[in-house]
């Protein structure tokens, strides 16, 4: 009976150890997901800003490619 209790105790300790490692891993993964979410949000804002800047450049005094005359060597 003592041996059975010892085996049960060992199994419980092993399970608690595994749970502790899984909890730690879960927290690490959560931190990574949160960091990546912030990075994605920043990249989306920057992409939006760049698109806006490109639209403003397209409406400047630069002619569209279809409006350009062919180069002199044609």
N, C-alpha and C. Protein backbone atom coordinates (compact mmCIF):
# COMPACT_ATOMS: atom_id res chain seq x y z
N UNK A 1 0.81 -1.19 0.00
CA UNK A 1 0.00 0.00 0.00
C UNK A 1 0.86 1.26 0.00
N UNK A 2 1.96 1.23 0.72
CA UNK A 2 2.86 2.37 0.77
C UNK A 2 3.46 2.62 -0.61
N UNK A 3 3.78 1.53 -1.28
CA UNK A 3 4.38 1.65 -2.62
C UNK A 3 3.37 2.26 -3.59
N UNK A 4 2.10 1.88 -3.48
CA UNK A 4 1.05 2.40 -4.33
C UNK A 4 0.86 3.90 -4.09
N UNK A 5 0.90 4.32 -2.83
CA UNK A 5 0.77 5.73 -2.50
C UNK A 5 1.95 6.52 -3.03
N UNK A 6 3.14 5.93 -2.95
CA UNK A 6 4.34 6.59 -3.46
C UNK A 6 4.24 6.77 -4.98
N UNK A 7 3.75 5.73 -5.67
CA UNK A 7 3.59 5.82 -7.12
C UNK A 7 2.56 6.87 -7.50
N UNK A 8 1.49 6.93 -6.74
CA UNK A 8 0.45 7.93 -6.98
C UNK A 8 0.99 9.33 -6.74
N UNK A 9 1.75 9.48 -5.68
CA UNK A 9 2.35 10.77 -5.37
C UNK A 9 3.31 11.20 -6.48
N UNK A 10 4.12 10.25 -6.98
CA UNK A 10 5.04 10.56 -8.08
C UNK A 10 4.28 11.01 -9.32
N UNK A 11 3.18 10.34 -9.61
CA UNK A 11 2.38 10.70 -10.79
C UNK A 11 1.77 12.09 -10.62
N UNK A 12 1.32 12.39 -9.41
CA UNK A 12 0.74 13.72 -9.15
C UNK A 12 1.81 14.80 -9.31
N UNK A 13 3.00 14.54 -8.77
CA UNK A 13 4.10 15.50 -8.90
C UNK A 13 4.45 15.70 -10.36
N UNK A 14 4.50 14.62 -11.13
CA UNK A 14 4.81 14.71 -12.56
C UNK A 14 3.74 15.54 -13.29
N UNK A 15 2.48 15.30 -12.97
CA UNK A 15 1.40 16.05 -13.60
C UNK A 15 1.46 17.53 -13.23
N UNK A 16 1.76 17.82 -11.96
CA UNK A 16 1.87 19.21 -11.52
C UNK A 16 3.04 19.90 -12.21
N UNK A 17 4.13 19.18 -12.39
CA UNK A 17 5.30 19.73 -13.07
C UNK A 17 4.96 20.04 -14.53
N UNK A 18 4.29 19.10 -15.20
CA UNK A 18 3.90 19.32 -16.59
C UNK A 18 2.94 20.51 -16.69
N UNK A 19 2.02 20.62 -15.75
CA UNK A 19 1.07 21.73 -15.78
C UNK A 19 1.80 23.06 -15.59
N UNK A 20 2.79 23.08 -14.72
CA UNK A 20 3.55 24.31 -14.49
C UNK A 20 4.28 24.73 -15.76
N UNK A 21 4.89 23.77 -16.45
CA UNK A 21 5.57 24.09 -17.72
C UNK A 21 4.57 24.55 -18.77
N UNK A 22 3.41 23.92 -18.83
CA UNK A 22 2.39 24.33 -19.80
C UNK A 22 1.85 25.72 -19.48
N UNK A 23 1.67 26.02 -18.23
CA UNK A 23 1.23 27.37 -17.84
C UNK A 23 2.26 28.41 -18.27
N UNK A 24 3.52 28.11 -18.03
CA UNK A 24 4.59 29.03 -18.43
C UNK A 24 4.60 29.21 -19.94
N UNK A 25 4.48 28.12 -20.68
CA UNK A 25 4.46 28.19 -22.13
C UNK A 25 3.26 28.99 -22.62
N UNK A 26 2.12 28.79 -21.99
CA UNK A 26 0.91 29.53 -22.35
C UNK A 26 1.11 31.03 -22.15
N UNK A 27 1.72 31.42 -21.06
CA UNK A 27 1.99 32.84 -20.81
C UNK A 27 2.98 33.39 -21.84
N UNK A 28 3.99 32.63 -22.18
CA UNK A 28 4.95 33.07 -23.19
C UNK A 28 4.27 33.25 -24.54
N UNK A 29 3.45 32.29 -24.93
CA UNK A 29 2.74 32.38 -26.20
C UNK A 29 1.77 33.56 -26.20
N UNK A 30 1.10 33.79 -25.09
CA UNK A 30 0.20 34.93 -24.99
C UNK A 30 0.96 36.24 -25.16
N UNK A 31 2.13 36.35 -24.55
CA UNK A 31 2.95 37.55 -24.72
C UNK A 31 3.36 37.74 -26.18
N UNK A 32 3.72 36.65 -26.84
CA UNK A 32 4.12 36.72 -28.24
C UNK A 32 2.95 37.17 -29.11
N UNK A 33 1.77 36.61 -28.86
CA UNK A 33 0.59 36.98 -29.64
C UNK A 33 0.25 38.45 -29.43
N UNK A 34 0.34 38.92 -28.20
CA UNK A 34 0.06 40.33 -27.91
C UNK A 34 1.06 41.24 -28.62
N UNK A 35 2.32 40.86 -28.59
CA UNK A 35 3.37 41.65 -29.27
C UNK A 35 3.13 41.66 -30.78
N UNK A 36 2.80 40.51 -31.35
CA UNK A 36 2.55 40.45 -32.79
C UNK A 36 1.31 41.24 -33.17
N UNK A 37 0.32 41.26 -32.31
CA UNK A 37 -0.88 42.05 -32.57
C UNK A 37 -0.54 43.53 -32.62
N UNK A 38 0.30 43.99 -31.72
CA UNK A 38 0.73 45.38 -31.74
C UNK A 38 1.53 45.68 -33.00
N UNK A 39 2.41 44.76 -33.39
CA UNK A 39 3.21 44.94 -34.60
C UNK A 39 2.32 45.02 -35.83
N UNK A 40 1.33 44.15 -35.91
CA UNK A 40 0.41 44.15 -37.05
C UNK A 40 -0.36 45.47 -37.09
N UNK A 41 -0.82 45.94 -35.95
CA UNK A 41 -1.54 47.22 -35.91
C UNK A 41 -0.65 48.36 -36.39
N UNK A 42 0.59 48.37 -35.96
CA UNK A 42 1.53 49.40 -36.41
C UNK A 42 1.75 49.31 -37.91
N UNK A 43 1.94 48.11 -38.41
CA UNK A 43 2.15 47.94 -39.85
C UNK A 43 0.93 48.36 -40.66
N UNK A 44 -0.25 48.07 -40.16
CA UNK A 44 -1.47 48.50 -40.86
C UNK A 44 -1.58 50.01 -40.91
N UNK A 45 -1.26 50.68 -39.79
CA UNK A 45 -1.28 52.15 -39.79
C UNK A 45 -0.26 52.71 -40.77
N UNK A 46 0.94 52.14 -40.77
CA UNK A 46 1.99 52.62 -41.67
C UNK A 46 1.60 52.38 -43.13
N UNK A 47 1.00 51.24 -43.41
CA UNK A 47 0.55 50.95 -44.78
C UNK A 47 -0.52 51.94 -45.20
N UNK A 48 -1.45 52.23 -44.31
CA UNK A 48 -2.49 53.21 -44.62
C UNK A 48 -1.87 54.58 -44.91
N UNK A 49 -0.90 54.98 -44.11
CA UNK A 49 -0.21 56.26 -44.32
C UNK A 49 0.50 56.27 -45.66
N UNK A 50 1.19 55.19 -45.98
CA UNK A 50 1.90 55.12 -47.27
C UNK A 50 0.94 55.16 -48.45
N UNK A 51 -0.19 54.48 -48.35
CA UNK A 51 -1.18 54.53 -49.42
C UNK A 51 -1.69 55.95 -49.61
N UNK A 52 -1.94 56.62 -48.51
CA UNK A 52 -2.42 58.00 -48.58
C UNK A 52 -1.36 58.88 -49.25
N UNK A 53 -0.10 58.68 -48.88
CA UNK A 53 0.98 59.46 -49.47
C UNK A 53 1.09 59.18 -50.97
N UNK A 54 0.94 57.93 -51.37
CA UNK A 54 1.03 57.58 -52.79
C UNK A 54 -0.13 58.19 -53.58
N UNK A 55 -1.32 58.20 -53.00
CA UNK A 55 -2.46 58.83 -53.67
C UNK A 55 -2.19 60.31 -53.87
N UNK A 56 -1.60 60.96 -52.89
CA UNK A 56 -1.28 62.38 -53.00
C UNK A 56 -0.22 62.62 -54.07
N UNK A 57 0.73 61.70 -54.18
CA UNK A 57 1.75 61.84 -55.22
C UNK A 57 1.14 61.67 -56.60
N UNK A 58 0.22 60.74 -56.74
CA UNK A 58 -0.40 60.49 -58.03
C UNK A 58 -1.21 61.69 -58.49
N UNK A 59 -1.76 62.47 -57.57
CA UNK A 59 -2.55 63.63 -57.95
C UNK A 59 -1.69 64.88 -58.09
N UNK A 60 -0.38 64.76 -58.03
CA UNK A 60 0.49 65.92 -58.19
C UNK A 60 0.65 66.25 -59.67
N UNK A 61 1.61 67.07 -59.98
CA UNK A 61 1.80 67.52 -61.36
C UNK A 61 2.47 66.48 -62.26
N UNK A 62 2.67 65.29 -61.79
CA UNK A 62 3.26 64.23 -62.61
C UNK A 62 2.14 63.63 -63.46
N UNK A 63 2.37 63.58 -64.76
CA UNK A 63 1.35 63.05 -65.67
C UNK A 63 1.25 61.54 -65.52
N UNK A 64 0.05 61.03 -65.75
CA UNK A 64 -0.15 59.59 -65.72
C UNK A 64 0.59 58.97 -66.89
N UNK A 65 0.93 57.71 -66.78
CA UNK A 65 1.70 57.04 -67.83
C UNK A 65 0.95 57.05 -69.15
N UNK A 66 -0.35 56.94 -69.14
CA UNK A 66 -1.14 56.94 -70.38
C UNK A 66 -1.13 58.32 -71.05
N UNK A 67 -0.85 59.37 -70.27
CA UNK A 67 -0.81 60.71 -70.83
C UNK A 67 0.58 61.11 -71.32
N UNK A 68 1.57 60.35 -71.00
CA UNK A 68 2.94 60.67 -71.39
C UNK A 68 3.13 60.45 -72.89
N UNK A 69 3.88 61.35 -73.49
CA UNK A 69 4.22 61.14 -74.92
C UNK A 69 5.38 60.14 -74.98
N UNK A 70 5.51 59.42 -76.08
CA UNK A 70 6.59 58.43 -76.17
C UNK A 70 7.95 59.12 -76.17
N UNK A 71 8.97 58.44 -75.73
CA UNK A 71 10.30 59.03 -75.73
C UNK A 71 10.75 59.35 -77.17
N UNK A 72 11.73 60.25 -77.32
CA UNK A 72 12.15 60.70 -78.66
C UNK A 72 12.70 59.58 -79.56
N UNK A 73 13.19 58.53 -79.01
CA UNK A 73 13.82 57.49 -79.85
C UNK A 73 12.79 56.61 -80.54
N UNK A 74 11.47 56.83 -80.35
CA UNK A 74 10.45 56.02 -81.02
C UNK A 74 10.20 56.54 -82.39
